C-alpha atoms as a PDB file:
ATOM      1  CA  SER A   1       0.365   0.083   0.219  1.00  0.00           C
ATOM      2  CA  TYR A   2       1.742   3.015  -0.906  1.00  0.00           C
ATOM      3  CA  THR A   3      -0.146   5.528   1.552  1.00  0.00           C
ATOM      4  CA  GLU A   4       1.483   3.073   4.233  1.00  0.00           C
ATOM      5  CA  TYR A   5       4.907   2.453   2.368  1.00  0.00           C
ATOM      6  CA  PHE A   6       5.692   6.787   1.760  1.00  0.00           C
ATOM      7  CA  PRO A   7       5.359   7.877   5.445  1.00  0.00           C
ATOM      8  CA  LYS A   8       7.554   5.081   6.166  1.00  0.00           C
ATOM      9  CA  VAL A   9      10.126   5.556   3.551  1.00  0.00           C
ATOM     10  CA  LYS A  10       9.853   9.429   4.865  1.00  0.00           C
ATOM     11  CA  GLU A  11      10.693   8.159   8.335  1.00  0.00           C
ATOM     12  CA  PHE A  12      13.576   6.354   7.509  1.00  0.00           C
ATOM     13  CA  LEU A  13      15.095   9.088   6.198  1.00  0.00           C
ATOM     14  CA  MET A  14      14.619  11.543   8.559  1.00  0.00           C
ATOM     15  CA  HIS A  15      16.265   9.535  10.820  1.00  0.00           C
ATOM     16  CA  TRP A  16      19.144   8.942   8.599  1.00  0.00           C
ATOM     17  CA  LEU A  17      19.674  12.752   8.475  1.00  0.00           C
ATOM     18  CA  THR A  18      19.730  13.345  12.196  1.00  0.00           C
ATOM     19  CA  LYS A  19      22.114  10.684  12.598  1.00  0.00           C
ATOM     20  CA  ALA A  20      24.569  11.898   9.566  1.00  0.00           C
ATOM     21  CA  TYR A  21      23.972  15.653  11.053  1.00  0.00           C
ATOM     22  CA  ASN A  22      25.043  14.167  14.647  1.00  0.00           C
ATOM     23  CA  GLN A  23      28.231  12.434  13.240  1.00  0.00           C
ATOM     24  CA  GLN A  24      29.233  15.483  11.225  1.00  0.00           C
ATOM     25  CA  ILE A  25      29.284  17.490  14.200  1.00  0.00           C
ATOM     26  CA  LYS A  26      30.939  15.516  16.567  1.00  0.00           C
ATOM     27  CA  THR A  27      34.641  16.413  17.183  1.00  0.00           C
ATOM     28  CA  SER A  28      36.428  13.182  17.918  1.00  0.00           C
ATOM     29  CA  ARG A  29      35.757   9.847  16.552  1.00  0.00           C
ATOM     30  CA  PRO A  30      37.123   6.526  17.846  1.00  0.00           C
ATOM     31  CA  ASP A  31      40.715   5.691  16.411  1.00  0.00           C
ATOM     32  CA  LYS A  32      39.566   1.700  16.210  1.00  0.00           C
ATOM     33  CA  ALA A  33      38.056  -0.794  13.432  1.00  0.00           C
ATOM     34  CA  LEU A  34      36.739  -3.848  13.460  1.00  0.00           C
ATOM     35  CA  TYR A  35      36.994  -6.644  11.354  1.00  0.00           C
ATOM     36  CA  THR A  36      34.707  -9.631  11.422  1.00  0.00           C
ATOM     37  CA  TYR A  37      34.555 -12.887   9.826  1.00  0.00           C
ATOM     38  CA  SER A  38      31.575 -15.836   9.910  1.00  0.00           C
ATOM     39  CA  SER A  39      33.832 -18.544   9.702  1.00  0.00           C
ATOM     40  CA  LYS A  40      37.570 -18.961  11.322  1.00  0.00           C
ATOM     41  CA  THR A  41      38.649 -22.337   9.755  1.00  0.00           C
ATOM     42  CA  ASP A  42      37.424 -21.025   5.939  1.00  0.00           C
ATOM     43  CA  LEU A  43      39.404 -18.131   6.349  1.00  0.00           C
ATOM     44  CA  MET A  44      42.641 -19.053   8.082  1.00  0.00           C
ATOM     45  CA  SER A  45      43.408 -21.248   5.185  1.00  0.00           C
ATOM     46  CA  ASN A  46      44.174 -17.931   3.346  1.00  0.00           C
ATOM     47  CA  ASP A  47      46.530 -16.167   5.682  1.00  0.00           C
ATOM     48  CA  PHE A  48      47.838 -13.467   3.049  1.00  0.00           C
ATOM     49  CA  ALA A  49      44.071 -12.295   2.172  1.00  0.00           C
ATOM     50  CA  MET A  50      43.215 -11.729   6.263  1.00  0.00           C
ATOM     51  CA  MET A  51      46.679  -9.733   6.435  1.00  0.00           C
ATOM     52  CA  ASN A  52      45.760  -8.165   3.307  1.00  0.00           C
ATOM     53  CA  TYR A  53      42.703  -6.783   5.176  1.00  0.00           C
ATOM     54  CA  ILE A  54      43.678  -5.670   8.655  1.00  0.00           C
ATOM     55  CA  ASP A  55      47.257  -4.325   7.404  1.00  0.00           C
ATOM     56  CA  ASN A  56      44.939  -1.582   4.945  1.00  0.00           C
ATOM     57  CA  LEU A  57      42.720  -1.096   8.063  1.00  0.00           C
ATOM     58  CA  SER A  58      45.820  -0.163  10.127  1.00  0.00           C
ATOM     59  CA  ASN A  59      47.048   1.857   7.137  1.00  0.00           C
ATOM     60  CA  ILE A  60      43.647   4.256   8.621  1.00  0.00           C
ATOM     61  CA  TYR A  61      43.112   3.736  12.299  1.00  0.00           C
ATOM     62  CA  ASN A  62      45.557   3.298  15.079  1.00  0.00           C
ATOM     63  CA  GLU A  63      43.731  -0.016  16.199  1.00  0.00           C
ATOM     64  CA  VAL A  64      42.034  -2.989  14.669  1.00  0.00           C
ATOM     65  CA  ASP A  65      40.420  -6.053  16.434  1.00  0.00           C
ATOM     66  CA  VAL A  66      39.161  -8.902  14.872  1.00  0.00           C
ATOM     67  CA  MET A  67      36.682 -10.901  15.583  1.00  0.00           C
ATOM     68  CA  TRP A  68      35.841 -14.558  14.328  1.00  0.00           C
ATOM     69  CA  GLU A  69      32.507 -16.637  13.970  1.00  0.00           C
ATOM     70  CA  ALA A  70      30.059 -13.715  14.358  1.00  0.00           C
ATOM     71  CA  ASP A  71      27.057 -15.221  15.209  1.00  0.00           C
ATOM     72  CA  ASN A  72      24.060 -12.959  15.500  1.00  0.00           C
ATOM     73  CA  ARG A  73      24.165 -12.639  18.987  1.00  0.00           C
ATOM     74  CA  LYS A  74      28.219 -12.086  18.924  1.00  0.00           C
ATOM     75  CA  TYR A  75      28.138  -9.297  15.787  1.00  0.00           C
ATOM     76  CA  LEU A  76      25.174  -7.307  17.513  1.00  0.00           C
ATOM     77  CA  ASP A  77      27.548  -7.386  20.397  1.00  0.00           C
ATOM     78  CA  TYR A  78      30.568  -6.059  18.999  1.00  0.00           C
ATOM     79  CA  ILE A  79      29.263  -3.486  16.762  1.00  0.00           C
ATOM     80  CA  SER A  80      27.725  -2.149  19.628  1.00  0.00           C
ATOM     81  CA  ARG A  81      31.238  -1.259  20.738  1.00  0.00           C
ATOM     82  CA  ASP A  82      33.293   1.747  20.439  1.00  0.00           C
ATOM     83  CA  TYR A  83      34.399   1.390  16.359  1.00  0.00           C
ATOM     84  CA  ASP A  84      34.379   3.770  13.595  1.00  0.00           C
ATOM     85  CA  TRP A  85      34.746   0.898  10.916  1.00  0.00           C
ATOM     86  CA  VAL A  86      33.596  -2.050  10.587  1.00  0.00           C
ATOM     87  CA  PHE A  87      34.637  -4.606   8.143  1.00  0.00           C
ATOM     88  CA  HIS A  88      32.312  -7.957   8.068  1.00  0.00           C
ATOM     89  CA  ILE A  89      33.637 -11.263   5.488  1.00  0.00           C
ATOM     90  CA  GLY A  90      31.285 -13.741   4.746  1.00  0.00           C
ATOM     91  CA  HIS A  91      28.720 -15.328   2.328  1.00  0.00           C
ATOM     92  CA  ALA A  92      25.368 -13.716   2.273  1.00  0.00           C
ATOM     93  CA  MET A  93      21.898 -13.184   0.586  1.00  0.00           C
ATOM     94  CA  GLU A  94      20.116 -10.518   0.723  1.00  0.00           C
ATOM     95  CA  THR A  95      18.470 -10.803   4.196  1.00  0.00           C
ATOM     96  CA  TYR A  96      21.201 -12.338   5.952  1.00  0.00           C
ATOM     97  CA  PHE A  97      24.787 -13.216   6.399  1.00  0.00           C
ATOM     98  CA  GLU A  98      26.070 -16.945   6.325  1.00  0.00           C
ATOM     99  CA  SER A  99      26.969 -16.349  10.162  1.00  0.00           C
ATOM    100  CA  GLY A 100      23.396 -16.021  11.158  1.00  0.00           C
ATOM    101  CA  VAL A 101      22.806 -12.271  11.304  1.00  0.00           C
ATOM    102  CA  LYS A 102      19.693 -11.754   9.790  1.00  0.00           C
ATOM    103  CA  ILE A 103      17.591  -9.137   8.725  1.00  0.00           C
ATOM    104  CA  GLU A 104      14.774  -9.642  11.603  1.00  0.00           C
ATOM    105  CA  ASP A 105      17.724  -8.938  14.141  1.00  0.00           C
ATOM    106  CA  PHE A 106      17.031  -5.387  13.097  1.00  0.00           C
ATOM    107  CA  ASP A 107      13.668  -5.134  13.706  1.00  0.00           C
ATOM    108  CA  THR A 108      14.327  -3.322  16.821  1.00  0.00           C
ATOM    109  CA  LEU A 109      16.696  -0.311  16.346  1.00  0.00           C
ATOM    110  CA  VAL A 110      20.251  -1.793  17.127  1.00  0.00           C
ATOM    111  CA  HIS A 111      22.542   0.814  18.608  1.00  0.00           C
ATOM    112  CA  VAL A 112      25.944   1.077  16.699  1.00  0.00           C
ATOM    113  CA  ASN A 113      28.928   3.639  16.805  1.00  0.00           C
ATOM    114  CA  ALA A 114      30.590   3.312  13.864  1.00  0.00           C
ATOM    115  CA  ARG A 115      29.841   5.373  10.869  1.00  0.00           C
ATOM    116  CA  VAL A 116      30.818   2.802   8.274  1.00  0.00           C
ATOM    117  CA  PHE A 117      30.108  -0.864   6.989  1.00  0.00           C
ATOM    118  CA  ASP A 118      32.277  -2.193   4.888  1.00  0.00           C
ATOM    119  CA  LEU A 119      30.400  -5.411   4.229  1.00  0.00           C
ATOM    120  CA  TYR A 120      32.754  -7.885   1.685  1.00  0.00           C
ATOM    121  CA  SER A 121      29.309  -9.946   1.431  1.00  0.00           C
ATOM    122  CA  CYS A 122      27.689 -11.159  -1.628  1.00  0.00           C
ATOM    123  CA  SER A 123      24.210  -9.941  -2.266  1.00  0.00           C
ATOM    124  CA  ALA A 124      23.742  -8.139   0.974  1.00  0.00           C
ATOM    125  CA  ALA A 125      23.400  -4.346  -0.294  1.00  0.00           C
ATOM    126  CA  ARG A 126      21.305  -5.997  -3.651  1.00  0.00           C
ATOM    127  CA  THR A 127      17.930  -4.134  -4.220  1.00  0.00           C
ATOM    128  CA  VAL A 128      17.405  -5.939  -7.766  1.00  0.00           C
ATOM    129  CA  VAL A 129      18.146  -9.368  -8.852  1.00  0.00           C
ATOM    130  CA  PHE A 130      18.411 -10.169 -13.142  1.00  0.00           C
ATOM    131  CA  GLU A 131      15.444 -12.937 -12.610  1.00  0.00           C
ATOM    132  CA  GLY A 132      13.254  -9.154 -11.737  1.00  0.00           C
ATOM    133  CA  ASN A 133      13.117 -10.055  -8.006  1.00  0.00           C
ATOM    134  CA  ALA A 134      13.063  -7.085  -6.163  1.00  0.00           C
ATOM    135  CA  TYR A 135      14.100  -6.361  -2.284  1.00  0.00           C
ATOM    136  CA  ASP A 136      13.147  -3.404  -0.748  1.00  0.00           C
ATOM    137  CA  ARG A 137      14.323  -4.710   2.877  1.00  0.00           C
ATOM    138  CA  ASN A 138      17.835  -6.137   2.639  1.00  0.00           C
ATOM    139  CA  ILE A 139      20.634  -6.497   5.136  1.00  0.00           C
ATOM    140  CA  ALA A 140      22.916  -3.634   4.142  1.00  0.00           C
ATOM    141  CA  LEU A 141      19.933  -0.975   4.107  1.00  0.00           C
ATOM    142  CA  ALA A 142      19.184  -2.388   7.734  1.00  0.00           C
ATOM    143  CA  HIS A 143      22.636  -1.375   8.862  1.00  0.00           C
ATOM    144  CA  ILE A 144      21.722   2.416   7.810  1.00  0.00           C
ATOM    145  CA  PHE A 145      18.125   2.408   8.184  1.00  0.00           C
ATOM    146  CA  ARG A 146      17.466   0.267  11.760  1.00  0.00           C
ATOM    147  CA  THR A 147      20.373   1.509  13.596  1.00  0.00           C
ATOM    148  CA  SER A 148      20.691   3.801  16.114  1.00  0.00           C
ATOM    149  CA  GLU A 149      23.798   6.680  16.753  1.00  0.00           C
ATOM    150  CA  GLY A 150      26.272   5.394  13.750  1.00  0.00           C
ATOM    151  CA  GLY A 151      25.897   3.348  10.439  1.00  0.00           C
ATOM    152  CA  VAL A 152      25.605   6.466   8.497  1.00  0.00           C
ATOM    153  CA  THR A 153      27.464   4.322   5.324  1.00  0.00           C
ATOM    154  CA  VAL A 154      27.109   0.643   3.609  1.00  0.00           C
ATOM    155  CA  ILE A 155      29.701  -0.368   1.369  1.00  0.00           C
ATOM    156  CA  GLY A 156      28.370  -3.676  -0.612  1.00  0.00           C
ATOM    157  CA  ASN A 157      29.206  -5.400  -3.809  1.00  0.00           C
ATOM    158  CA  THR A 158      29.646  -8.494  -5.422  1.00  0.00           C
ATOM    159  CA  LYS A 159      31.598  -9.160  -8.816  1.00  0.00           C
ATOM    160  CA  THR A 160      33.645  -6.267  -9.067  1.00  0.00           C
ATOM    161  CA  GLY A 161      35.424  -7.492  -6.021  1.00  0.00           C
ATOM    162  CA  GLY A 162      33.934  -6.646  -2.700  1.00  0.00           C
ATOM    163  CA  VAL A 163      36.626  -4.794  -2.237  1.00  0.00           C
ATOM    164  CA  TYR A 164      38.834  -7.574  -1.806  1.00  0.00           C
ATOM    165  CA  GLN A 165      39.878  -7.563  -5.266  1.00  0.00           C
ATOM    166  CA  ASP A 166      42.891  -4.471  -5.516  1.00  0.00           C
ATOM    167  CA  ASN A 167      41.752  -4.141  -1.717  1.00  0.00           C
ATOM    168  CA  ASP A 168      44.985  -1.895  -1.473  1.00  0.00           C
ATOM    169  CA  TYR A 169      44.132   0.649  -4.231  1.00  0.00           C
ATOM    170  CA  PHE A 170      40.680   1.140  -2.394  1.00  0.00           C
ATOM    171  CA  TYR A 171      42.306   2.098   0.801  1.00  0.00           C
ATOM    172  CA  LYS A 172      45.276   4.067  -0.572  1.00  0.00           C
ATOM    173  CA  GLN A 173      42.486   6.323  -2.122  1.00  0.00           C
ATOM    174  CA  LEU A 174      41.079   6.653   1.098  1.00  0.00           C
ATOM    175  CA  LYS A 175      44.351   8.478   2.327  1.00  0.00           C
ATOM    176  CA  THR A 176      43.759  11.428  -0.100  1.00  0.00           C
ATOM    177  CA  ASN A 177      39.839  11.037  -1.204  1.00  0.00           C
ATOM    178  CA  MET A 178      36.556  11.232   0.620  1.00  0.00           C
ATOM    179  CA  LEU A 179      34.944   7.953   0.653  1.00  0.00           C
ATOM    180  CA  GLY A 180      32.400   8.045  -2.008  1.00  0.00           C
ATOM    181  CA  ASP A 181      35.301   9.679  -4.547  1.00  0.00           C
ATOM    182  CA  ALA A 182      37.637   6.896  -3.295  1.00  0.00           C
ATOM    183  CA  TYR A 183      35.250   3.921  -3.879  1.00  0.00           C
ATOM    184  CA  LEU A 184      34.245   5.412  -7.337  1.00  0.00           C
ATOM    185  CA  ARG A 185      38.063   5.360  -8.293  1.00  0.00           C
ATOM    186  CA  TRP A 186      38.160   1.787  -7.489  1.00  0.00           C
ATOM    187  CA  VAL A 187      35.237   0.726  -9.158  1.00  0.00           C
ATOM    188  CA  ASN A 188      36.389   2.534 -12.410  1.00  0.00           C
ATOM    189  CA  HIS A 189      39.519   0.903 -11.783  1.00  0.00           C
ATOM    190  CA  ARG A 190      38.115  -2.880 -11.369  1.00  0.00           C
ATOM    191  CA  THR A 191      35.943  -2.183 -14.441  1.00  0.00           C
ATOM    192  CA  LEU A 192      39.111  -1.498 -16.706  1.00  0.00           C
ATOM    193  CA  VAL A 193      40.936  -4.656 -15.224  1.00  0.00           C
ATOM    194  CA  PHE A 194      37.758  -6.860 -15.658  1.00  0.00           C
ATOM    195  CA  GLU A 195      37.685  -5.379 -19.186  1.00  0.00           C
ATOM    196  CA  ALA A 196      41.187  -6.359 -19.878  1.00  0.00           C
ATOM    197  CA  SER A 197      40.371  -9.875 -18.582  1.00  0.00           C
ATOM    198  CA  LYS A 198      38.156 -13.054 -19.928  1.00  0.00           C
ATOM    199  CA  HIS A 199      35.323 -11.991 -17.186  1.00  0.00           C
ATOM    200  CA  THR A 200      34.218  -9.041 -18.806  1.00  0.00           C
ATOM    201  CA  LYS A 201      30.344  -9.877 -17.669  1.00  0.00           C
ATOM    202  CA  ASP A 202      31.244  -9.799 -14.243  1.00  0.00           C
ATOM    203  CA  VAL A 203      31.634  -6.245 -13.493  1.00  0.00           C
ATOM    204  CA  TYR A 204      28.184  -5.709 -14.500  1.00  0.00           C
ATOM    205  CA  GLU A 205      27.269  -7.956 -12.026  1.00  0.00           C
END
């Protein structure tokens, strides 16, 4: 029902604008980031990738904590702590993380401090799929519109790399560019890489 839908959209947007304003006028922010992963076993088989993520965050933040096996109870507890940036890696669909975090966990507003959630989780931010299904609620949007205090930005992508391919390129861009500009530079860079490879179609996913 449109009469029910649009007032809710306005309510969500006003909620986000209030959070964004309050974050903008803050004089200090936590100098800490959180790295979370759905399964410790899977990632330990790729130590290089793990250290690459953490090293890049360490170039921006003085302290980076690591939290393994992020089930919904553990994840919601950690993201309420004193972090500015939360990076999550693990399989996902539009409405849940493989670890057990579900969109329903955000039915009640979740208090978070982090401004940015970087979700390297396939489909977590997807709103439309090729088969025509549409998702006006997904787990990434819940991190923005169903959180209080923090949660003003979510990064979410799939085939272009989830910022795990050329991850260091993206974080280097953050040193001299605002987040949106850094992300666009990274996407343009990844597009050129894909167009020069045998996986050209992947860039459009």
